[in-house]
Amino acid sequence: MSRELWLLRHGKSDRDLAVDDFDRPLKKKGKKDLERVSNWLLKENLIPDYFLSSPAKRAISTAKILHKIISNDTLPLVQDKRIYQEGFERLKTVLAECSIENKKVLLVGHNPELTDLLIYLVGAGNLPDTDKLLPTSTLVRLKMPEDWGYLDVACATVLSITYAKLLPKEVD
């Protein structure tokens, strides 16, 4: 079975609050969008076997919403500080440490790192030509190489890009 990497940009956060970037919470809209993405994943029977998240408040809140809706209690939710503002090369390091047992890894993080990682893994020419490739609450599924440690340029293939704003308000 091939491996999949799921990149999820955190939900819409509140930029108007006078708090550190790390401590910005999700807006109500962000939470609603994430519930739609979670319900869509359930409907499609898409469940990761490993959850990784930035510890920044908006990212871990995003991961917890999905985790609560789509996982069982035996699936750990791992926070890794290297996912927050350390560049896409650091994200590759985090992924390289994933177990060979992990077939579907969900990585919740931030831009520009997620977009940079996506472009690196699939090549810019293999992505939609859009101003904002990864708006908040967007999930990208990638087909990955068999070894998490060997993530070369253009080694992945896009399976799907799911924009929360394009999902129905109620996913049945």
C-alpha atoms as a PDB file:
ATOM      1  CA  MET A   1       0.000   0.000   0.000  1.00  0.00           C
ATOM      2  CA  SER A   2       1.338   3.409  -0.891  1.00  0.00           C
ATOM      3  CA  ARG A   3       1.708   6.169   1.642  1.00  0.00           C
ATOM      4  CA  GLU A   4      -0.322   9.345   1.809  1.00  0.00           C
ATOM      5  CA  LEU A   5       0.504  12.691   3.318  1.00  0.00           C
ATOM      6  CA  TRP A   6      -2.391  14.965   4.144  1.00  0.00           C
ATOM      7  CA  LEU A   7      -1.518  18.625   4.542  1.00  0.00           C
ATOM      8  CA  LEU A   8      -4.121  20.676   6.383  1.00  0.00           C
ATOM      9  CA  ARG A   9      -3.766  24.376   6.884  1.00  0.00           C
ATOM     10  CA  HIS A  10      -5.224  25.475  10.203  1.00  0.00           C
ATOM     11  CA  GLY A  11      -8.694  27.012  10.341  1.00  0.00           C
ATOM     12  CA  LYS A  12      -9.425  30.722  10.053  1.00  0.00           C
ATOM     13  CA  SER A  13      -7.919  32.485  13.056  1.00  0.00           C
ATOM     14  CA  ASP A  14      -8.608  35.765  14.781  1.00  0.00           C
ATOM     15  CA  ARG A  15      -5.963  38.255  13.640  1.00  0.00           C
ATOM     16  CA  ASP A  16      -7.646  41.167  15.421  1.00  0.00           C
ATOM     17  CA  LEU A  17      -6.809  40.015  18.942  1.00  0.00           C
ATOM     18  CA  ALA A  18      -3.823  41.575  20.667  1.00  0.00           C
ATOM     19  CA  VAL A  19      -2.021  38.269  21.288  1.00  0.00           C
ATOM     20  CA  ASP A  20       1.201  36.675  20.090  1.00  0.00           C
ATOM     21  CA  ASP A  21       0.948  34.950  16.716  1.00  0.00           C
ATOM     22  CA  PHE A  22       1.473  31.599  18.478  1.00  0.00           C
ATOM     23  CA  ASP A  23      -1.565  32.216  20.702  1.00  0.00           C
ATOM     24  CA  ARG A  24      -4.110  33.275  18.060  1.00  0.00           C
ATOM     25  CA  PRO A  25      -7.345  31.289  18.469  1.00  0.00           C
ATOM     26  CA  LEU A  26      -9.689  30.009  15.778  1.00  0.00           C
ATOM     27  CA  LYS A  27     -12.625  32.131  14.713  1.00  0.00           C
ATOM     28  CA  LYS A  28     -16.118  30.660  14.786  1.00  0.00           C
ATOM     29  CA  LYS A  29     -15.979  30.440  10.967  1.00  0.00           C
ATOM     30  CA  GLY A  30     -12.730  28.474  11.217  1.00  0.00           C
ATOM     31  CA  LYS A  31     -14.307  25.962  13.576  1.00  0.00           C
ATOM     32  CA  LYS A  32     -17.357  25.545  11.307  1.00  0.00           C
ATOM     33  CA  ASP A  33     -15.161  25.037   8.235  1.00  0.00           C
ATOM     34  CA  LEU A  34     -13.156  22.373  10.061  1.00  0.00           C
ATOM     35  CA  GLU A  35     -16.304  20.554  11.095  1.00  0.00           C
ATOM     36  CA  ARG A  36     -17.281  20.465   7.409  1.00  0.00           C
ATOM     37  CA  VAL A  37     -13.874  19.075   6.424  1.00  0.00           C
ATOM     38  CA  SER A  38     -14.072  16.487   9.219  1.00  0.00           C
ATOM     39  CA  ASN A  39     -17.559  15.366   8.213  1.00  0.00           C
ATOM     40  CA  TRP A  40     -16.454  15.152   4.583  1.00  0.00           C
ATOM     41  CA  LEU A  41     -13.506  12.941   5.613  1.00  0.00           C
ATOM     42  CA  LEU A  42     -15.883  10.664   7.509  1.00  0.00           C
ATOM     43  CA  LYS A  43     -18.258  10.485   4.563  1.00  0.00           C
ATOM     44  CA  GLU A  44     -15.359   9.566   2.264  1.00  0.00           C
ATOM     45  CA  ASN A  45     -14.054   7.055   4.840  1.00  0.00           C
ATOM     46  CA  LEU A  46     -10.702   8.848   4.951  1.00  0.00           C
ATOM     47  CA  ILE A  47      -9.070   8.380   8.338  1.00  0.00           C
ATOM     48  CA  PRO A  48      -5.376   9.081   8.956  1.00  0.00           C
ATOM     49  CA  ASP A  49      -3.341   6.699  11.070  1.00  0.00           C
ATOM     50  CA  TYR A  50      -1.050   9.425  12.427  1.00  0.00           C
ATOM     51  CA  PHE A  51      -1.871  13.005  13.474  1.00  0.00           C
ATOM     52  CA  LEU A  52       0.903  15.616  13.602  1.00  0.00           C
ATOM     53  CA  SER A  53       0.256  19.236  14.535  1.00  0.00           C
ATOM     54  CA  SER A  54       1.993  22.476  15.216  1.00  0.00           C
ATOM     55  CA  PRO A  55       1.493  23.415  18.872  1.00  0.00           C
ATOM     56  CA  ALA A  56       0.344  26.946  17.938  1.00  0.00           C
ATOM     57  CA  LYS A  57      -3.131  27.499  19.358  1.00  0.00           C
ATOM     58  CA  ARG A  58      -4.956  27.770  16.004  1.00  0.00           C
ATOM     59  CA  ALA A  59      -3.231  24.648  14.633  1.00  0.00           C
ATOM     60  CA  ILE A  60      -3.690  22.407  17.658  1.00  0.00           C
ATOM     61  CA  SER A  61      -7.318  23.563  17.929  1.00  0.00           C
ATOM     62  CA  THR A  62      -7.729  22.596  14.267  1.00  0.00           C
ATOM     63  CA  ALA A  63      -6.181  19.178  14.881  1.00  0.00           C
ATOM     64  CA  LYS A  64      -8.334  18.581  17.962  1.00  0.00           C
ATOM     65  CA  ILE A  65     -11.552  19.306  16.052  1.00  0.00           C
ATOM     66  CA  LEU A  66     -10.645  16.772  13.369  1.00  0.00           C
ATOM     67  CA  HIS A  67      -9.291  14.276  15.866  1.00  0.00           C
ATOM     68  CA  LYS A  68     -12.505  14.362  17.905  1.00  0.00           C
ATOM     69  CA  ILE A  69     -14.744  13.857  14.875  1.00  0.00           C
ATOM     70  CA  ILE A  70     -12.814  11.352  12.763  1.00  0.00           C
ATOM     71  CA  SER A  71     -10.573   9.307  15.037  1.00  0.00           C
ATOM     72  CA  ASN A  72     -10.921   6.830  17.811  1.00  0.00           C
ATOM     73  CA  ASP A  73      -9.312   7.313  21.204  1.00  0.00           C
ATOM     74  CA  THR A  74      -6.389   5.034  20.382  1.00  0.00           C
ATOM     75  CA  LEU A  75      -4.987   7.371  17.737  1.00  0.00           C
ATOM     76  CA  PRO A  76      -2.484   9.787  19.301  1.00  0.00           C
ATOM     77  CA  LEU A  77      -2.340  13.469  18.423  1.00  0.00           C
ATOM     78  CA  VAL A  78       1.327  14.461  18.323  1.00  0.00           C
ATOM     79  CA  GLN A  79       2.386  18.088  18.704  1.00  0.00           C
ATOM     80  CA  ASP A  80       5.767  19.065  17.289  1.00  0.00           C
ATOM     81  CA  LYS A  81       7.179  22.559  17.761  1.00  0.00           C
ATOM     82  CA  ARG A  82       9.282  22.163  14.599  1.00  0.00           C
ATOM     83  CA  ILE A  83       6.093  22.516  12.540  1.00  0.00           C
ATOM     84  CA  TYR A  84       5.705  26.148  13.655  1.00  0.00           C
ATOM     85  CA  GLN A  85       7.711  28.772  11.720  1.00  0.00           C
ATOM     86  CA  GLU A  86      10.820  26.700  11.041  1.00  0.00           C
ATOM     87  CA  GLY A  87      10.568  26.356   7.258  1.00  0.00           C
ATOM     88  CA  PHE A  88       9.590  23.508   4.981  1.00  0.00           C
ATOM     89  CA  GLU A  89      12.968  21.770   5.290  1.00  0.00           C
ATOM     90  CA  ARG A  90      12.168  21.257   8.968  1.00  0.00           C
ATOM     91  CA  LEU A  91       8.794  19.786   7.996  1.00  0.00           C
ATOM     92  CA  LYS A  92      10.654  17.256   5.861  1.00  0.00           C
ATOM     93  CA  THR A  93      12.728  16.329   8.924  1.00  0.00           C
ATOM     94  CA  VAL A  94       9.572  15.809  10.982  1.00  0.00           C
ATOM     95  CA  LEU A  95       8.103  13.607   8.246  1.00  0.00           C
ATOM     96  CA  ALA A  96      11.327  11.612   7.908  1.00  0.00           C
ATOM     97  CA  GLU A  97      10.872  10.568  11.532  1.00  0.00           C
ATOM     98  CA  CYS A  98       7.467   9.004  10.844  1.00  0.00           C
ATOM     99  CA  SER A  99       7.325   5.280  11.375  1.00  0.00           C
ATOM    100  CA  ILE A 100       7.225   2.948   8.415  1.00  0.00           C
ATOM    101  CA  GLU A 101       3.934   1.760   9.950  1.00  0.00           C
ATOM    102  CA  ASN A 102       2.329   5.146   9.231  1.00  0.00           C
ATOM    103  CA  LYS A 103       0.530   4.906   5.891  1.00  0.00           C
ATOM    104  CA  LYS A 104      -1.665   8.040   6.129  1.00  0.00           C
ATOM    105  CA  VAL A 105      -0.102  10.985   7.934  1.00  0.00           C
ATOM    106  CA  LEU A 106      -2.103  14.156   8.620  1.00  0.00           C
ATOM    107  CA  LEU A 107       0.071  17.240   9.152  1.00  0.00           C
ATOM    108  CA  VAL A 108      -1.674  20.354  10.514  1.00  0.00           C
ATOM    109  CA  GLY A 109       0.376  23.479  10.028  1.00  0.00           C
ATOM    110  CA  HIS A 110       0.829  26.957   8.655  1.00  0.00           C
ATOM    111  CA  ASN A 111       1.712  28.942   5.589  1.00  0.00           C
ATOM    112  CA  PRO A 112       4.130  29.620   4.044  1.00  0.00           C
ATOM    113  CA  GLU A 113       5.703  26.333   5.174  1.00  0.00           C
ATOM    114  CA  LEU A 114       2.861  24.066   3.995  1.00  0.00           C
ATOM    115  CA  THR A 115       2.664  25.731   0.583  1.00  0.00           C
ATOM    116  CA  ASP A 116       6.452  25.572   0.203  1.00  0.00           C
ATOM    117  CA  LEU A 117       6.436  21.880   1.151  1.00  0.00           C
ATOM    118  CA  LEU A 118       3.599  21.166  -1.277  1.00  0.00           C
ATOM    119  CA  ILE A 119       5.387  22.911  -4.150  1.00  0.00           C
ATOM    120  CA  TYR A 120       8.604  21.048  -3.334  1.00  0.00           C
ATOM    121  CA  LEU A 121       6.925  17.639  -3.132  1.00  0.00           C
ATOM    122  CA  VAL A 122       4.829  17.844  -6.325  1.00  0.00           C
ATOM    123  CA  GLY A 123       6.448  20.604  -8.385  1.00  0.00           C
ATOM    124  CA  ALA A 124       4.826  23.983  -9.099  1.00  0.00           C
ATOM    125  CA  GLY A 125       3.791  22.886 -12.599  1.00  0.00           C
ATOM    126  CA  ASN A 126       1.609  20.127 -11.146  1.00  0.00           C
ATOM    127  CA  LEU A 127      -0.518  22.432  -9.001  1.00  0.00           C
ATOM    128  CA  PRO A 128      -3.463  24.715  -9.770  1.00  0.00           C
ATOM    129  CA  ASP A 129      -2.484  28.201 -10.873  1.00  0.00           C
ATOM    130  CA  THR A 130      -4.065  30.251  -8.120  1.00  0.00           C
ATOM    131  CA  ASP A 131      -3.145  33.223  -5.967  1.00  0.00           C
ATOM    132  CA  LYS A 132      -3.745  31.298  -2.755  1.00  0.00           C
ATOM    133  CA  LEU A 133      -3.007  27.606  -3.071  1.00  0.00           C
ATOM    134  CA  LEU A 134      -3.709  26.771   0.588  1.00  0.00           C
ATOM    135  CA  PRO A 135      -6.318  29.033   2.134  1.00  0.00           C
ATOM    136  CA  THR A 136      -7.342  28.202   5.691  1.00  0.00           C
ATOM    137  CA  SER A 137      -9.055  24.841   6.274  1.00  0.00           C
ATOM    138  CA  THR A 138      -7.771  23.397   2.988  1.00  0.00           C
ATOM    139  CA  LEU A 139      -6.767  19.735   2.879  1.00  0.00           C
ATOM    140  CA  VAL A 140      -4.364  18.341   0.282  1.00  0.00           C
ATOM    141  CA  ARG A 141      -3.909  14.582  -0.103  1.00  0.00           C
ATOM    142  CA  LEU A 142      -0.638  13.438  -1.640  1.00  0.00           C
ATOM    143  CA  LYS A 143       0.527  10.018  -2.795  1.00  0.00           C
ATOM    144  CA  MET A 144       4.005   9.656  -1.315  1.00  0.00           C
ATOM    145  CA  PRO A 145       7.077   7.446  -1.754  1.00  0.00           C
ATOM    146  CA  GLU A 146       7.329   4.300   0.350  1.00  0.00           C
ATOM    147  CA  ASP A 147       9.973   5.781   2.669  1.00  0.00           C
ATOM    148  CA  TRP A 148       9.238   8.967   4.639  1.00  0.00           C
ATOM    149  CA  GLY A 149      12.981   9.619   4.791  1.00  0.00           C
ATOM    150  CA  TYR A 150      13.409  10.100   1.037  1.00  0.00           C
ATOM    151  CA  LEU A 151      11.346  13.104   0.075  1.00  0.00           C
ATOM    152  CA  ASP A 152      12.886  14.453  -3.095  1.00  0.00           C
ATOM    153  CA  VAL A 153      11.688  17.205  -5.398  1.00  0.00           C
ATOM    154  CA  ALA A 154       8.511  16.166  -7.255  1.00  0.00           C
ATOM    155  CA  CYS A 155       8.363  12.775  -5.494  1.00  0.00           C
ATOM    156  CA  ALA A 156       4.645  13.087  -4.700  1.00  0.00           C
ATOM    157  CA  THR A 157       1.404  13.188  -6.671  1.00  0.00           C
ATOM    158  CA  VAL A 158      -1.671  15.219  -5.764  1.00  0.00           C
ATOM    159  CA  LEU A 159      -4.649  12.952  -5.089  1.00  0.00           C
ATOM    160  CA  SER A 160      -7.043  15.740  -4.140  1.00  0.00           C
ATOM    161  CA  ILE A 161      -7.333  19.293  -2.890  1.00  0.00           C
ATOM    162  CA  THR A 162     -10.382  19.936  -0.727  1.00  0.00           C
ATOM    163  CA  TYR A 163     -11.376  23.506   0.049  1.00  0.00           C
ATOM    164  CA  ALA A 164     -13.689  23.829   3.056  1.00  0.00           C
ATOM    165  CA  LYS A 165     -15.450  26.767   1.421  1.00  0.00           C
ATOM    166  CA  LEU A 166     -16.499  24.521  -1.487  1.00  0.00           C
ATOM    167  CA  LEU A 167     -17.956  21.756   0.674  1.00  0.00           C
ATOM    168  CA  PRO A 168     -21.693  21.790   1.316  1.00  0.00           C
ATOM    169  CA  LYS A 169     -22.752  23.449   4.576  1.00  0.00           C
ATOM    170  CA  GLU A 170     -24.167  20.107   5.711  1.00  0.00           C
ATOM    171  CA  VAL A 171     -22.257  17.028   4.588  1.00  0.00           C
ATOM    172  CA  ASP A 172     -24.640  14.064   4.907  1.00  0.00           C
END
